[in-house]
PDB file of N, CA and C in Angstrom:
ATOM      1  N   MET A   1      -0.620  11.577 -10.589  1.00  0.00           N
ATOM      2  CA  MET A   1       0.675  10.265 -11.143  1.00  0.00           C
ATOM      3  C   MET A   1       1.792  10.805 -10.893  1.00  0.00           C
ATOM      4  N   THR A   2       2.226  11.746 -10.180  1.00  0.00           N
ATOM      5  CA  THR A   2       3.413  12.539  -9.498  1.00  0.00           C
ATOM      6  C   THR A   2       3.841  12.394  -8.299  1.00  0.00           C
ATOM      7  N   GLU A   3       2.280  11.879  -7.490  1.00  0.00           N
ATOM      8  CA  GLU A   3       2.083  11.660  -5.604  1.00  0.00           C
ATOM      9  C   GLU A   3       2.708  10.205  -5.903  1.00  0.00           C
ATOM     10  N   VAL A   4       1.883   9.463  -6.360  1.00  0.00           N
ATOM     11  CA  VAL A   4       1.915   8.070  -6.481  1.00  0.00           C
ATOM     12  C   VAL A   4       3.686   7.214  -7.214  1.00  0.00           C
ATOM     13  N   ILE A   5       3.895   8.142  -7.808  1.00  0.00           N
ATOM     14  CA  ILE A   5       5.517   7.541  -8.518  1.00  0.00           C
ATOM     15  C   ILE A   5       6.243   8.700  -7.395  1.00  0.00           C
ATOM     16  N   GLY A   6       6.403   9.675  -6.937  1.00  0.00           N
ATOM     17  CA  GLY A   6       7.190   9.549  -5.944  1.00  0.00           C
ATOM     18  C   GLY A   6       7.075   9.411  -4.814  1.00  0.00           C
ATOM     19  N   CYS A   7       5.185   9.336  -4.050  1.00  0.00           N
ATOM     20  CA  CYS A   7       5.719   8.833  -2.727  1.00  0.00           C
ATOM     21  C   CYS A   7       4.884   7.679  -2.590  1.00  0.00           C
ATOM     22  N   GLY A   8       4.850   7.154  -3.502  1.00  0.00           N
ATOM     23  CA  GLY A   8       4.287   5.648  -3.670  1.00  0.00           C
ATOM     24  C   GLY A   8       2.948   5.282  -3.348  1.00  0.00           C
ATOM     25  N   ILE A   9       2.771   3.885  -2.417  1.00  0.00           N
ATOM     26  CA  ILE A   9       0.918   3.604  -2.198  1.00  0.00           C
ATOM     27  C   ILE A   9       1.246   2.956  -0.659  1.00  0.00           C
ATOM     28  N   SER A  10       1.352   3.549   0.238  1.00  0.00           N
ATOM     29  CA  SER A  10       2.010   2.631   1.369  1.00  0.00           C
ATOM     30  C   SER A  10       0.913   0.920   1.335  1.00  0.00           C
ATOM     31  N   GLY A  11       1.638   0.184   1.730  1.00  0.00           N
ATOM     32  CA  GLY A  11       1.181  -1.598   2.637  1.00  0.00           C
ATOM     33  C   GLY A  11       1.317  -2.178   0.650  1.00  0.00           C
ATOM     34  N   THR A  12       1.475  -1.562  -0.583  1.00  0.00           N
ATOM     35  CA  THR A  12       1.928  -1.902  -1.362  1.00  0.00           C
ATOM     36  C   THR A  12       3.329  -2.201  -2.122  1.00  0.00           C
ATOM     37  N   ARG A  13       3.216  -2.490  -3.223  1.00  0.00           N
ATOM     38  CA  ARG A  13       4.375  -2.445  -3.626  1.00  0.00           C
ATOM     39  C   ARG A  13       5.332  -1.533  -4.554  1.00  0.00           C
ATOM     40  N   MET A  14       3.821  -0.781  -4.538  1.00  0.00           N
ATOM     41  CA  MET A  14       4.148   1.087  -5.125  1.00  0.00           C
ATOM     42  C   MET A  14       5.656   1.163  -4.009  1.00  0.00           C
ATOM     43  N   ASN A  15       6.751   1.675  -4.154  1.00  0.00           N
ATOM     44  CA  ASN A  15       7.582   1.719  -3.409  1.00  0.00           C
ATOM     45  C   ASN A  15       7.671   3.550  -4.007  1.00  0.00           C
ATOM     46  N   ALA A  16       8.302   4.315  -3.114  1.00  0.00           N
ATOM     47  CA  ALA A  16       7.982   5.728  -3.304  1.00  0.00           C
ATOM     48  C   ALA A  16       9.591   5.840  -3.793  1.00  0.00           C
ATOM     49  N   TRP A  17       9.402   6.807  -5.122  1.00  0.00           N
ATOM     50  CA  TRP A  17      10.613   7.101  -5.852  1.00  0.00           C
ATOM     51  C   TRP A  17      11.507   8.316  -5.553  1.00  0.00           C
ATOM     52  N   LEU A  18      11.010   9.272  -4.581  1.00  0.00           N
ATOM     53  CA  LEU A  18      10.978  10.360  -4.103  1.00  0.00           C
ATOM     54  C   LEU A  18      12.429  10.448  -3.727  1.00  0.00           C
ATOM     55  N   LYS A  19      13.886  11.148  -3.705  1.00  0.00           N
ATOM     56  CA  LYS A  19      14.251  11.500  -2.562  1.00  0.00           C
ATOM     57  C   LYS A  19      13.794  12.430  -1.161  1.00  0.00           C
ATOM     58  N   GLY A  20      13.542  11.902  -0.166  1.00  0.00           N
ATOM     59  CA  GLY A  20      13.307  12.328   0.858  1.00  0.00           C
ATOM     60  C   GLY A  20      11.865  12.042   1.195  1.00  0.00           C
ATOM     61  N   ALA A  21      10.975  11.565   0.469  1.00  0.00           N
ATOM     62  CA  ALA A  21       9.461  11.558   0.519  1.00  0.00           C
ATOM     63  C   ALA A  21       9.384  11.123   1.731  1.00  0.00           C
ATOM     64  N   PHE A  22       8.709  11.921   2.944  1.00  0.00           N
ATOM     65  CA  PHE A  22       7.557  11.818   4.087  1.00  0.00           C
ATOM     66  C   PHE A  22       8.649  12.067   5.043  1.00  0.00           C
ATOM     67  N   THR A  23      10.192  11.987   4.457  1.00  0.00           N
ATOM     68  CA  THR A  23      10.776  12.783   5.669  1.00  0.00           C
ATOM     69  C   THR A  23      11.872  14.322   5.336  1.00  0.00           C
ATOM     70  N   GLU A  24      11.612  14.777   4.569  1.00  0.00           N
ATOM     71  CA  GLU A  24      11.988  15.541   3.591  1.00  0.00           C
ATOM     72  C   GLU A  24      10.569  16.630   2.586  1.00  0.00           C
ATOM     73  N   GLU A  25      10.305  15.280   1.993  1.00  0.00           N
ATOM     74  CA  GLU A  25       9.268  16.581   1.209  1.00  0.00           C
ATOM     75  C   GLU A  25       8.078  15.497   1.438  1.00  0.00           C
ATOM     76  N   ALA A  26       7.365  16.290   1.201  1.00  0.00           N
ATOM     77  CA  ALA A  26       5.511  16.012   1.971  1.00  0.00           C
ATOM     78  C   ALA A  26       4.861  15.324   1.226  1.00  0.00           C
ATOM     79  N   CYS A  27       4.569  14.197   1.667  1.00  0.00           N
ATOM     80  CA  CYS A  27       3.704  12.967   0.868  1.00  0.00           C
ATOM     81  C   CYS A  27       2.300  12.909   0.834  1.00  0.00           C
ATOM     82  N   TRP A  28       1.255  12.807   0.217  1.00  0.00           N
ATOM     83  CA  TRP A  28      -0.162  12.615   1.007  1.00  0.00           C
ATOM     84  C   TRP A  28      -0.386  13.605   2.193  1.00  0.00           C
ATOM     85  N   ASP A  29      -0.157  14.680   2.174  1.00  0.00           N
ATOM     86  CA  ASP A  29      -0.985  15.109   3.480  1.00  0.00           C
ATOM     87  C   ASP A  29      -0.294  14.888   4.489  1.00  0.00           C
ATOM     88  N   ALA A  30       0.727  14.309   4.733  1.00  0.00           N
ATOM     89  CA  ALA A  30       1.294  13.337   5.527  1.00  0.00           C
ATOM     90  C   ALA A  30       1.660  14.648   6.550  1.00  0.00           C
ATOM     91  N   PRO A  31       2.524  14.597   7.658  1.00  0.00           N
ATOM     92  CA  PRO A  31       3.597  15.870   8.298  1.00  0.00           C
ATOM     93  C   PRO A  31       4.389  15.139   7.929  1.00  0.00           C
ATOM     94  N   ILE A  32       5.637  16.255   7.525  1.00  0.00           N
ATOM     95  CA  ILE A  32       7.157  15.630   7.296  1.00  0.00           C
ATOM     96  C   ILE A  32       7.621  14.903   8.399  1.00  0.00           C
ATOM     97  N   GLY A  33       8.078  14.410   8.374  1.00  0.00           N
ATOM     98  CA  GLY A  33       9.444  13.091   9.174  1.00  0.00           C
ATOM     99  C   GLY A  33       8.507  12.093   9.473  1.00  0.00           C
ATOM    100  N   THR A  34       7.131  11.965   8.696  1.00  0.00           N
ATOM    101  CA  THR A  34       6.320  10.114   9.628  1.00  0.00           C
ATOM    102  C   THR A  34       6.326   9.475   8.464  1.00  0.00           C
ATOM    103  N   LEU A  35       7.172   8.435   8.547  1.00  0.00           N
ATOM    104  CA  LEU A  35       6.840   7.351   7.452  1.00  0.00           C
ATOM    105  C   LEU A  35       5.966   6.279   7.552  1.00  0.00           C
ATOM    106  N   PRO A  36       5.022   6.616   6.995  1.00  0.00           N
ATOM    107  CA  PRO A  36       3.723   5.313   7.027  1.00  0.00           C
ATOM    108  C   PRO A  36       4.550   3.731   6.958  1.00  0.00           C
ATOM    109  N   ALA A  37       4.009   3.326   7.920  1.00  0.00           N
ATOM    110  CA  ALA A  37       3.901   1.822   8.085  1.00  0.00           C
ATOM    111  C   ALA A  37       3.797   0.912   6.943  1.00  0.00           C
ATOM    112  N   GLY A  38       4.730   0.371   6.055  1.00  0.00           N
ATOM    113  CA  GLY A  38       4.709  -0.400   4.942  1.00  0.00           C
ATOM    114  C   GLY A  38       5.186   0.207   3.784  1.00  0.00           C
ATOM    115  N   THR A  39       6.084   1.601   3.995  1.00  0.00           N
ATOM    116  CA  THR A  39       5.903   2.334   3.299  1.00  0.00           C
ATOM    117  C   THR A  39       7.625   1.908   2.825  1.00  0.00           C
ATOM    118  N   VAL A  40       8.043   1.695   1.473  1.00  0.00           N
ATOM    119  CA  VAL A  40       9.961   1.516   0.998  1.00  0.00           C
ATOM    120  C   VAL A  40       9.600   2.790   0.396  1.00  0.00           C
ATOM    121  N   VAL A  41      11.038   3.345   0.746  1.00  0.00           N
ATOM    122  CA  VAL A  41      11.358   4.559  -0.115  1.00  0.00           C
ATOM    123  C   VAL A  41      13.063   4.591  -0.340  1.00  0.00           C
ATOM    124  N   ILE A  42      12.461   4.605  -2.096  1.00  0.00           N
ATOM    125  CA  ILE A  42      13.802   4.052  -2.966  1.00  0.00           C
ATOM    126  C   ILE A  42      14.524   5.141  -2.893  1.00  0.00           C
ATOM    127  N   GLY A  43      13.880   6.304  -2.912  1.00  0.00           N
ATOM    128  CA  GLY A  43      14.538   7.975  -3.306  1.00  0.00           C
ATOM    129  C   GLY A  43      15.448   8.326  -4.485  1.00  0.00           C
ATOM    130  N   LEU A  44      15.056   8.487  -5.332  1.00  0.00           N
ATOM    131  CA  LEU A  44      16.231   7.977  -6.260  1.00  0.00           C
ATOM    132  C   LEU A  44      15.868   9.049  -7.332  1.00  0.00           C
ATOM    133  N   PHE A  45      15.234   9.598  -7.524  1.00  0.00           N
ATOM    134  CA  PHE A  45      15.380  11.157  -8.051  1.00  0.00           C
ATOM    135  C   PHE A  45      13.935  12.193  -7.134  1.00  0.00           C
ATOM    136  N   ASP A  46      14.649  13.605  -8.011  1.00  0.00           N
ATOM    137  CA  ASP A  46      14.094  14.563  -7.129  1.00  0.00           C
ATOM    138  C   ASP A  46      12.887  14.631  -7.915  1.00  0.00           C
ATOM    139  N   ARG A  47      12.446  15.493  -7.745  1.00  0.00           N
ATOM    140  CA  ARG A  47      11.100  16.193  -7.650  1.00  0.00           C
ATOM    141  C   ARG A  47      10.552  16.581  -9.208  1.00  0.00           C
ATOM    142  N   LYS A  48      11.726  17.079  -9.525  1.00  0.00           N
ATOM    143  CA  LYS A  48      11.479  17.788 -11.175  1.00  0.00           C
ATOM    144  C   LYS A  48      11.955  16.770 -12.168  1.00  0.00           C
ATOM    145  N   GLU A  49      12.839  15.600 -11.558  1.00  0.00           N
ATOM    146  CA  GLU A  49      12.623  14.453 -12.809  1.00  0.00           C
ATOM    147  C   GLU A  49      11.961  13.412 -12.324  1.00  0.00           C
ATOM    148  N   ILE A  50      10.523  13.510 -11.270  1.00  0.00           N
ATOM    149  CA  ILE A  50      10.161  12.448 -10.829  1.00  0.00           C
ATOM    150  C   ILE A  50       8.833  13.250 -12.336  1.00  0.00           C
ATOM    151  N   THR A  51       8.454  15.001 -12.133  1.00  0.00           N
ATOM    152  CA  THR A  51       7.496  15.321 -13.053  1.00  0.00           C
ATOM    153  C   THR A  51       8.177  15.565 -14.691  1.00  0.00           C
ATOM    154  N   THR A  52       9.115  15.412 -15.028  1.00  0.00           N
ATOM    155  CA  THR A  52       9.751  15.440 -16.314  1.00  0.00           C
ATOM    156  C   THR A  52       9.546  13.989 -16.683  1.00  0.00           C
ATOM    157  N   LEU A  53       9.231  12.480 -15.959  1.00  0.00           N
ATOM    158  CA  LEU A  53       8.715  11.767 -16.110  1.00  0.00           C
ATOM    159  C   LEU A  53       7.361  11.099 -16.285  1.00  0.00           C
ATOM    160  N   VAL A  54       6.764  11.430 -15.289  1.00  0.00           N
ATOM    161  CA  VAL A  54       5.219  12.301 -15.692  1.00  0.00           C
ATOM    162  C   VAL A  54       4.909  12.918 -16.846  1.00  0.00           C
ATOM    163  N   ASP A  55       5.446  13.725 -17.665  1.00  0.00           N
ATOM    164  CA  ASP A  55       5.050  14.162 -18.471  1.00  0.00           C
ATOM    165  C   ASP A  55       5.120  13.374 -19.773  1.00  0.00           C
ATOM    166  N   PHE A  56       6.486  12.633 -19.652  1.00  0.00           N
ATOM    167  CA  PHE A  56       7.007  12.123 -20.483  1.00  0.00           C
ATOM    168  C   PHE A  56       5.860  10.836 -20.884  1.00  0.00           C
ATOM    169  N   ILE A  57       5.603  10.523 -19.533  1.00  0.00           N
ATOM    170  CA  ILE A  57       4.357   9.133 -19.999  1.00  0.00           C
ATOM    171  C   ILE A  57       3.297   9.974 -20.317  1.00  0.00           C
ATOM    172  N   GLN A  58       2.902  10.805 -19.705  1.00  0.00           N
ATOM    173  CA  GLN A  58       1.479  11.761 -20.396  1.00  0.00           C
ATOM    174  C   GLN A  58       1.426  11.728 -21.959  1.00  0.00           C
ATOM    175  N   SER A  59       2.539  12.380 -22.088  1.00  0.00           N
ATOM    176  CA  SER A  59       2.857  12.845 -24.153  1.00  0.00           C
ATOM    177  C   SER A  59       2.753  11.400 -24.489  1.00  0.00           C
ATOM    178  N   GLU A  60       3.642  10.687 -24.489  1.00  0.00           N
ATOM    179  CA  GLU A  60       3.581   9.182 -25.293  1.00  0.00           C
ATOM    180  C   GLU A  60       2.588   7.854 -25.166  1.00  0.00           C
ATOM    181  N   PHE A  61       1.344   8.244 -23.555  1.00  0.00           N
ATOM    182  CA  PHE A  61       0.664   6.649 -23.310  1.00  0.00           C
ATOM    183  C   PHE A  61      -0.778   7.248 -23.594  1.00  0.00           C
ATOM    184  N   VAL A  62      -0.799   8.449 -23.717  1.00  0.00           N
ATOM    185  CA  VAL A  62      -2.057   8.883 -23.010  1.00  0.00           C
ATOM    186  C   VAL A  62      -2.635   9.550 -24.123  1.00  0.00           C
ATOM    187  N   GLN A  63      -3.810   8.866 -24.788  1.00  0.00           N
ATOM    188  CA  GLN A  63      -4.436   9.148 -25.964  1.00  0.00           C
ATOM    189  C   GLN A  63      -5.011  10.095 -25.616  1.00  0.00           C
ATOM    190  N   PRO A  64      -5.166  11.922 -26.997  1.00  0.00           N
ATOM    191  CA  PRO A  64      -6.795  12.326 -26.451  1.00  0.00           C
ATOM    192  C   PRO A  64      -7.480  12.290 -26.482  1.00  0.00           C
ATOM    193  N   GLN A  65      -8.536  13.255 -25.957  1.00  0.00           N
ATOM    194  CA  GLN A  65      -9.946  12.812 -26.217  1.00  0.00           C
ATOM    195  C   GLN A  65     -11.267  13.654 -26.836  1.00  0.00           C
TER     196      GLN A  65
END
């Protein structure tokens, strides 16, 4: 979930929210500096903020099995 929020999904409406995604921060095993076609980087959050968001989502909305 952290990778999807941070790096987005190329060619879809899921934008990358990680600051420096692909250009300064590694995403999806792509080399740094290479922005895949169709990827929009919003770059609003750092990695710690995205991790905190994912932790919150999982604690509030994921049911234990």
